[in-house]
């Protein structure tokens, strides 16, 4: 449970820092359009902070981490997916603000992050299904 709590706290700090970074990066480059930096802090706060708080509440009630191996796969896969997605959003946003053409590879790598998140959610639901209230 501590890992879930600390993950939530760390994503809170990263989300707030990314919002500050977006504001200062845009202001220092006199940029007023849209870039992926606009939504990076929201992704970290919702998919990081809030989701890990939700996972924490569910863990408290259903003890998902009793299945250590599956829980570890879920936990690591979720972090990889979120960090990869957000890193590509930041890369895309910085390139947009700097006026550099954004490569389609960035979208592809971000897509991999989304795939990792999807796999993590599948693992989460498998864990939830294996918890005692749902066992047959």
N, C-alpha and C. Protein backbone atom coordinates (compact mmCIF):
# COMPACT_ATOMS: atom_id res chain seq x y z
N UNK A 1 0.81 -1.20 0.00
CA UNK A 1 0.00 0.00 0.00
C UNK A 1 0.86 1.26 0.00
N UNK A 2 2.03 1.17 0.61
CA UNK A 2 2.90 2.34 0.63
C UNK A 2 3.33 2.73 -0.78
N UNK A 3 3.57 1.72 -1.62
CA UNK A 3 3.98 2.01 -3.00
C UNK A 3 2.91 2.79 -3.74
N UNK A 4 1.66 2.45 -3.51
CA UNK A 4 0.55 3.17 -4.15
C UNK A 4 0.46 4.61 -3.64
N UNK A 5 0.61 4.76 -2.33
CA UNK A 5 0.57 6.10 -1.74
C UNK A 5 1.71 6.98 -2.26
N UNK A 6 2.93 6.43 -2.24
CA UNK A 6 4.08 7.21 -2.71
C UNK A 6 3.98 7.51 -4.21
N UNK A 7 3.45 6.57 -4.97
CA UNK A 7 3.26 6.83 -6.40
C UNK A 7 2.32 8.01 -6.60
N UNK A 8 1.23 8.03 -5.86
CA UNK A 8 0.27 9.13 -5.96
C UNK A 8 0.93 10.45 -5.60
N UNK A 9 1.69 10.45 -4.52
CA UNK A 9 2.35 11.68 -4.07
C UNK A 9 3.38 12.17 -5.10
N UNK A 10 4.13 11.24 -5.66
CA UNK A 10 5.15 11.62 -6.65
C UNK A 10 4.49 12.19 -7.91
N UNK A 11 3.40 11.56 -8.37
CA UNK A 11 2.71 12.08 -9.55
C UNK A 11 2.05 13.43 -9.27
N UNK A 12 1.67 13.68 -8.02
CA UNK A 12 1.16 15.01 -7.67
C UNK A 12 2.25 16.05 -7.88
N UNK A 13 3.44 15.77 -7.35
CA UNK A 13 4.56 16.70 -7.51
C UNK A 13 4.94 16.87 -8.98
N UNK A 14 5.02 15.76 -9.71
CA UNK A 14 5.37 15.83 -11.14
C UNK A 14 4.30 16.58 -11.94
N UNK A 15 3.05 16.34 -11.61
CA UNK A 15 1.96 17.03 -12.30
C UNK A 15 2.00 18.53 -12.07
N UNK A 16 2.23 18.93 -10.83
CA UNK A 16 2.31 20.36 -10.53
C UNK A 16 3.54 20.99 -11.18
N UNK A 17 4.66 20.29 -11.13
CA UNK A 17 5.87 20.80 -11.78
C UNK A 17 5.71 20.89 -13.29
N UNK A 18 5.02 19.94 -13.90
CA UNK A 18 4.84 20.00 -15.35
C UNK A 18 3.92 21.15 -15.74
N UNK A 19 2.95 21.48 -14.88
CA UNK A 19 2.11 22.65 -15.13
C UNK A 19 2.92 23.94 -15.07
N UNK A 20 3.81 24.01 -14.10
CA UNK A 20 4.70 25.17 -13.98
C UNK A 20 5.63 25.24 -15.19
N UNK A 21 6.17 24.08 -15.59
CA UNK A 21 7.05 24.05 -16.75
C UNK A 21 6.33 24.52 -18.01
N UNK A 22 5.09 24.05 -18.21
CA UNK A 22 4.30 24.47 -19.36
C UNK A 22 4.13 25.99 -19.37
N UNK A 23 3.75 26.53 -18.23
CA UNK A 23 3.51 27.97 -18.14
C UNK A 23 4.78 28.76 -18.45
N UNK A 24 5.89 28.37 -17.84
CA UNK A 24 7.13 29.12 -18.02
C UNK A 24 7.72 28.91 -19.42
N UNK A 25 7.62 27.72 -19.94
CA UNK A 25 8.13 27.43 -21.30
C UNK A 25 7.35 28.25 -22.33
N UNK A 26 6.05 28.27 -22.20
CA UNK A 26 5.22 29.03 -23.14
C UNK A 26 5.51 30.52 -23.02
N UNK A 27 5.60 31.00 -21.80
CA UNK A 27 5.83 32.44 -21.57
C UNK A 27 7.20 32.87 -22.06
N UNK A 28 8.22 32.10 -21.78
CA UNK A 28 9.57 32.49 -22.17
C UNK A 28 9.79 32.43 -23.68
N UNK A 29 8.95 31.68 -24.39
CA UNK A 29 9.06 31.58 -25.85
C UNK A 29 7.96 32.37 -26.56
N UNK A 30 7.22 33.19 -25.82
CA UNK A 30 6.10 33.97 -26.38
C UNK A 30 5.19 33.09 -27.22
N UNK A 31 4.84 31.94 -26.69
CA UNK A 31 4.00 30.98 -27.40
C UNK A 31 2.59 31.05 -26.84
N UNK A 32 1.60 31.21 -27.73
CA UNK A 32 0.22 31.31 -27.27
C UNK A 32 -0.70 30.29 -27.91
N UNK A 33 -0.17 29.37 -28.68
CA UNK A 33 -0.99 28.36 -29.33
C UNK A 33 -1.17 27.14 -28.45
N UNK A 34 -1.61 26.06 -29.09
CA UNK A 34 -1.79 24.80 -28.39
C UNK A 34 -0.57 23.92 -28.58
N UNK A 35 -0.16 23.27 -27.51
CA UNK A 35 0.87 22.24 -27.59
C UNK A 35 0.49 21.13 -26.62
N UNK A 36 1.13 20.00 -26.74
CA UNK A 36 0.86 18.88 -25.84
C UNK A 36 1.22 19.21 -24.39
N UNK A 37 2.04 20.24 -24.19
CA UNK A 37 2.36 20.64 -22.82
C UNK A 37 1.11 21.12 -22.08
N UNK A 38 0.11 21.61 -22.82
CA UNK A 38 -1.12 22.09 -22.20
C UNK A 38 -1.79 21.00 -21.36
N UNK A 39 -1.69 19.76 -21.77
CA UNK A 39 -2.42 18.68 -21.11
C UNK A 39 -1.54 17.71 -20.35
N UNK A 40 -0.24 17.93 -20.34
CA UNK A 40 0.66 17.01 -19.65
C UNK A 40 0.38 16.98 -18.16
N UNK A 41 0.21 18.16 -17.56
CA UNK A 41 -0.03 18.18 -16.12
C UNK A 41 -1.37 17.53 -15.77
N UNK A 42 -2.36 17.68 -16.63
CA UNK A 42 -3.66 17.05 -16.38
C UNK A 42 -3.53 15.53 -16.44
N UNK A 43 -2.80 15.03 -17.42
CA UNK A 43 -2.60 13.58 -17.52
C UNK A 43 -1.92 13.03 -16.26
N UNK A 44 -0.89 13.72 -15.81
CA UNK A 44 -0.17 13.24 -14.62
C UNK A 44 -1.04 13.31 -13.38
N UNK A 45 -1.81 14.37 -13.24
CA UNK A 45 -2.65 14.50 -12.05
C UNK A 45 -3.81 13.49 -12.05
N UNK A 46 -4.41 13.28 -13.22
CA UNK A 46 -5.54 12.35 -13.26
C UNK A 46 -5.07 10.90 -13.30
N UNK A 47 -4.22 10.56 -14.29
CA UNK A 47 -3.78 9.17 -14.43
C UNK A 47 -2.74 8.78 -13.38
N UNK A 48 -2.08 9.75 -12.80
CA UNK A 48 -1.10 9.46 -11.75
C UNK A 48 -1.70 9.62 -10.38
N UNK A 49 -1.91 10.86 -9.97
CA UNK A 49 -2.39 11.13 -8.61
C UNK A 49 -3.72 10.47 -8.30
N UNK A 50 -4.75 10.79 -9.08
CA UNK A 50 -6.09 10.31 -8.76
C UNK A 50 -6.20 8.80 -8.92
N UNK A 51 -5.66 8.26 -10.00
CA UNK A 51 -5.78 6.81 -10.20
C UNK A 51 -5.05 6.02 -9.12
N UNK A 52 -3.88 6.50 -8.68
CA UNK A 52 -3.19 5.77 -7.63
C UNK A 52 -3.92 5.88 -6.30
N UNK A 53 -4.63 6.99 -6.07
CA UNK A 53 -5.49 7.07 -4.88
C UNK A 53 -6.65 6.08 -5.00
N UNK A 54 -7.22 5.95 -6.19
CA UNK A 54 -8.29 4.97 -6.41
C UNK A 54 -7.75 3.55 -6.21
N UNK A 55 -6.58 3.27 -6.79
CA UNK A 55 -5.97 1.95 -6.61
C UNK A 55 -5.71 1.68 -5.12
N UNK A 56 -5.30 2.71 -4.39
CA UNK A 56 -5.04 2.58 -2.96
C UNK A 56 -6.31 2.20 -2.20
N UNK A 57 -7.41 2.87 -2.51
CA UNK A 57 -8.68 2.55 -1.86
C UNK A 57 -9.14 1.13 -2.18
N UNK A 58 -8.98 0.75 -3.43
CA UNK A 58 -9.37 -0.60 -3.83
C UNK A 58 -8.46 -1.63 -3.16
N UNK A 59 -7.18 -1.33 -3.08
CA UNK A 59 -6.24 -2.23 -2.40
C UNK A 59 -6.62 -2.40 -0.93
N UNK A 60 -7.00 -1.31 -0.30
CA UNK A 60 -7.40 -1.37 1.12
C UNK A 60 -8.59 -2.30 1.32
N UNK A 61 -9.52 -2.26 0.40
CA UNK A 61 -10.74 -3.07 0.54
C UNK A 61 -10.60 -4.50 0.03
N UNK A 62 -9.79 -4.71 -1.00
CA UNK A 62 -9.74 -6.02 -1.64
C UNK A 62 -8.39 -6.73 -1.58
N UNK A 63 -7.37 -6.08 -1.04
CA UNK A 63 -6.03 -6.67 -0.89
C UNK A 63 -5.52 -7.30 -2.18
N UNK A 64 -5.50 -6.51 -3.22
CA UNK A 64 -5.05 -6.99 -4.53
C UNK A 64 -3.59 -7.44 -4.51
N UNK A 65 -2.78 -6.81 -3.66
CA UNK A 65 -1.35 -7.11 -3.64
C UNK A 65 -1.03 -8.48 -3.04
N UNK A 66 -2.03 -9.20 -2.56
CA UNK A 66 -1.78 -10.57 -2.08
C UNK A 66 -1.26 -11.45 -3.22
N UNK A 67 -1.70 -11.14 -4.42
CA UNK A 67 -1.18 -11.82 -5.60
C UNK A 67 0.03 -11.00 -6.06
N UNK A 68 1.16 -11.22 -5.38
CA UNK A 68 2.35 -10.37 -5.56
C UNK A 68 2.84 -10.26 -7.01
N UNK A 69 2.93 -11.37 -7.67
CA UNK A 69 3.49 -11.37 -9.03
C UNK A 69 2.60 -10.56 -9.99
N UNK A 70 1.32 -10.83 -9.98
CA UNK A 70 0.40 -10.13 -10.87
C UNK A 70 0.30 -8.65 -10.50
N UNK A 71 0.30 -8.37 -9.20
CA UNK A 71 0.25 -6.97 -8.76
C UNK A 71 1.50 -6.22 -9.21
N UNK A 72 2.66 -6.85 -9.11
CA UNK A 72 3.91 -6.20 -9.55
C UNK A 72 3.88 -5.93 -11.05
N UNK A 73 3.37 -6.89 -11.82
CA UNK A 73 3.26 -6.67 -13.27
C UNK A 73 2.34 -5.48 -13.56
N UNK A 74 1.21 -5.43 -12.88
CA UNK A 74 0.30 -4.30 -13.05
C UNK A 74 0.99 -2.99 -12.70
N UNK A 75 1.61 -2.94 -11.54
CA UNK A 75 2.22 -1.73 -11.01
C UNK A 75 3.31 -1.19 -11.94
N UNK A 76 4.20 -2.06 -12.36
CA UNK A 76 5.31 -1.65 -13.23
C UNK A 76 4.80 -1.26 -14.62
N UNK A 77 3.89 -2.05 -15.16
CA UNK A 77 3.34 -1.77 -16.49
C UNK A 77 2.62 -0.43 -16.51
N UNK A 78 1.87 -0.13 -15.46
CA UNK A 78 1.15 1.14 -15.38
C UNK A 78 2.13 2.32 -15.37
N UNK A 79 3.17 2.21 -14.54
CA UNK A 79 4.17 3.29 -14.48
C UNK A 79 4.86 3.49 -15.83
N UNK A 80 5.25 2.40 -16.46
CA UNK A 80 5.91 2.51 -17.77
C UNK A 80 4.99 3.20 -18.76
N UNK A 81 3.74 2.77 -18.81
CA UNK A 81 2.79 3.36 -19.74
C UNK A 81 2.56 4.84 -19.50
N UNK A 82 2.36 5.20 -18.25
CA UNK A 82 2.10 6.62 -17.95
C UNK A 82 3.32 7.48 -18.21
N UNK A 83 4.47 7.03 -17.76
CA UNK A 83 5.68 7.83 -17.95
C UNK A 83 6.07 7.95 -19.42
N UNK A 84 5.90 6.89 -20.18
CA UNK A 84 6.20 6.94 -21.61
C UNK A 84 5.24 7.90 -22.33
N UNK A 85 3.97 7.82 -22.01
CA UNK A 85 2.98 8.69 -22.63
C UNK A 85 3.27 10.15 -22.30
N UNK A 86 3.51 10.44 -21.04
CA UNK A 86 3.75 11.82 -20.62
C UNK A 86 5.08 12.35 -21.17
N UNK A 87 6.09 11.50 -21.23
CA UNK A 87 7.38 11.93 -21.78
C UNK A 87 7.23 12.32 -23.25
N UNK A 88 6.44 11.57 -24.00
CA UNK A 88 6.23 11.90 -25.41
C UNK A 88 5.36 13.16 -25.56
N UNK A 89 4.40 13.36 -24.65
CA UNK A 89 3.62 14.60 -24.67
C UNK A 89 4.55 15.79 -24.44
N UNK A 90 5.45 15.65 -23.49
CA UNK A 90 6.38 16.75 -23.19
C UNK A 90 7.31 16.99 -24.37
N UNK A 91 7.81 15.92 -24.96
CA UNK A 91 8.69 16.06 -26.12
C UNK A 91 7.96 16.75 -27.27
N UNK A 92 6.76 16.30 -27.56
CA UNK A 92 5.94 16.90 -28.61
C UNK A 92 5.68 18.37 -28.31
N UNK A 93 5.30 18.67 -27.07
CA UNK A 93 5.00 20.05 -26.68
C UNK A 93 6.20 20.98 -26.80
N UNK A 94 7.34 20.51 -26.33
CA UNK A 94 8.55 21.34 -26.41
C UNK A 94 8.92 21.60 -27.86
N UNK A 95 8.84 20.56 -28.69
CA UNK A 95 9.17 20.73 -30.11
C UNK A 95 8.21 21.71 -30.78
N UNK A 96 6.92 21.62 -30.43
CA UNK A 96 5.93 22.53 -30.99
C UNK A 96 6.23 23.97 -30.58
N UNK A 97 6.51 24.20 -29.32
CA UNK A 97 6.81 25.54 -28.83
C UNK A 97 8.08 26.10 -29.47
N UNK A 98 9.06 25.24 -29.66
CA UNK A 98 10.33 25.68 -30.27
C UNK A 98 10.24 25.79 -31.79
N UNK A 99 9.12 25.38 -32.38
CA UNK A 99 8.95 25.49 -33.82
C UNK A 99 9.65 24.38 -34.59
N UNK A 100 9.93 23.28 -33.94
CA UNK A 100 10.59 22.14 -34.57
C UNK A 100 9.51 21.18 -35.06
N UNK A 101 9.67 20.68 -36.28
CA UNK A 101 8.69 19.74 -36.82
C UNK A 101 8.68 18.46 -35.98
N UNK A 102 7.49 18.05 -35.61
CA UNK A 102 7.33 16.87 -34.75
C UNK A 102 7.28 15.62 -35.61
N UNK A 103 8.14 14.69 -35.29
CA UNK A 103 8.22 13.43 -36.04
C UNK A 103 7.03 12.52 -35.71
N UNK A 104 6.54 11.78 -36.69
CA UNK A 104 5.47 10.81 -36.41
C UNK A 104 5.91 9.72 -35.43
N UNK A 105 7.21 9.53 -35.29
CA UNK A 105 7.72 8.53 -34.34
C UNK A 105 7.31 8.86 -32.92
N UNK A 106 7.17 10.14 -32.63
CA UNK A 106 6.77 10.56 -31.27
C UNK A 106 5.36 10.05 -30.98
N UNK A 107 4.47 10.18 -31.95
CA UNK A 107 3.11 9.67 -31.79
C UNK A 107 3.14 8.14 -31.64
N UNK A 108 4.01 7.48 -32.36
CA UNK A 108 4.13 6.03 -32.27
C UNK A 108 4.60 5.58 -30.89
N UNK A 109 5.59 6.27 -30.37
CA UNK A 109 6.09 5.93 -29.04
C UNK A 109 5.03 6.23 -27.98
N UNK A 110 4.31 7.33 -28.15
CA UNK A 110 3.20 7.64 -27.25
C UNK A 110 2.13 6.55 -27.32
N UNK A 111 1.91 6.04 -28.51
CA UNK A 111 0.97 4.93 -28.68
C UNK A 111 1.40 3.70 -27.90
N UNK A 112 2.71 3.45 -27.85
CA UNK A 112 3.22 2.34 -27.03
C UNK A 112 2.90 2.57 -25.56
N UNK A 113 3.02 3.82 -25.13
CA UNK A 113 2.67 4.15 -23.75
C UNK A 113 1.21 3.85 -23.47
N UNK A 114 0.35 4.19 -24.43
CA UNK A 114 -1.07 3.90 -24.28
C UNK A 114 -1.35 2.39 -24.26
N UNK A 115 -0.58 1.64 -25.05
CA UNK A 115 -0.72 0.18 -25.04
C UNK A 115 -0.34 -0.37 -23.67
N UNK A 116 0.76 0.12 -23.10
CA UNK A 116 1.17 -0.30 -21.76
C UNK A 116 0.07 0.01 -20.74
N UNK A 117 -0.53 1.19 -20.84
CA UNK A 117 -1.63 1.55 -19.93
C UNK A 117 -2.82 0.61 -20.09
N UNK A 118 -3.13 0.27 -21.33
CA UNK A 118 -4.23 -0.66 -21.58
C UNK A 118 -3.96 -2.02 -20.96
N UNK A 119 -2.74 -2.53 -21.16
CA UNK A 119 -2.35 -3.82 -20.57
C UNK A 119 -2.42 -3.73 -19.04
N UNK A 120 -1.98 -2.61 -18.48
CA UNK A 120 -2.02 -2.44 -17.03
C UNK A 120 -3.45 -2.47 -16.51
N UNK A 121 -4.38 -1.81 -17.23
CA UNK A 121 -5.77 -1.85 -16.80
C UNK A 121 -6.35 -3.26 -16.91
N UNK A 122 -5.97 -4.00 -17.93
CA UNK A 122 -6.41 -5.39 -18.05
C UNK A 122 -5.90 -6.19 -16.86
N UNK A 123 -4.61 -6.02 -16.52
CA UNK A 123 -4.04 -6.71 -15.36
C UNK A 123 -4.76 -6.32 -14.08
N UNK A 124 -5.11 -5.04 -13.96
CA UNK A 124 -5.83 -4.56 -12.78
C UNK A 124 -7.18 -5.27 -12.65
N UNK A 125 -7.90 -5.38 -13.76
CA UNK A 125 -9.20 -6.04 -13.70
C UNK A 125 -9.08 -7.54 -13.44
N UNK A 126 -8.00 -8.15 -13.93
CA UNK A 126 -7.76 -9.55 -13.60
C UNK A 126 -7.51 -9.68 -12.10
N UNK A 127 -6.70 -8.78 -11.54
CA UNK A 127 -6.46 -8.78 -10.10
C UNK A 127 -7.76 -8.59 -9.33
N UNK A 128 -8.55 -7.65 -9.76
CA UNK A 128 -9.82 -7.38 -9.09
C UNK A 128 -10.73 -8.60 -9.15
N UNK A 129 -10.76 -9.24 -10.30
CA UNK A 129 -11.57 -10.44 -10.46
C UNK A 129 -11.11 -11.59 -9.57
N UNK A 130 -9.82 -11.64 -9.26
CA UNK A 130 -9.27 -12.70 -8.42
C UNK A 130 -9.42 -12.39 -6.93
N UNK A 131 -9.86 -11.19 -6.60
CA UNK A 131 -10.00 -10.84 -5.17
C UNK A 131 -11.21 -11.57 -4.58
N UNK A 132 -11.18 -11.76 -3.30
CA UNK A 132 -12.16 -12.62 -2.61
C UNK A 132 -13.63 -12.28 -2.85
N UNK A 133 -14.06 -11.01 -2.91
CA UNK A 133 -15.50 -10.77 -3.11
C UNK A 133 -16.02 -11.27 -4.46
N UNK A 134 -15.13 -11.43 -5.44
CA UNK A 134 -15.57 -11.81 -6.77
C UNK A 134 -15.30 -13.28 -7.10
N UNK A 135 -14.67 -13.98 -6.18
CA UNK A 135 -14.37 -15.40 -6.42
C UNK A 135 -15.67 -16.19 -6.33
N UNK A 136 -15.73 -17.23 -7.14
CA UNK A 136 -16.92 -18.09 -7.12
C UNK A 136 -16.68 -19.28 -6.24
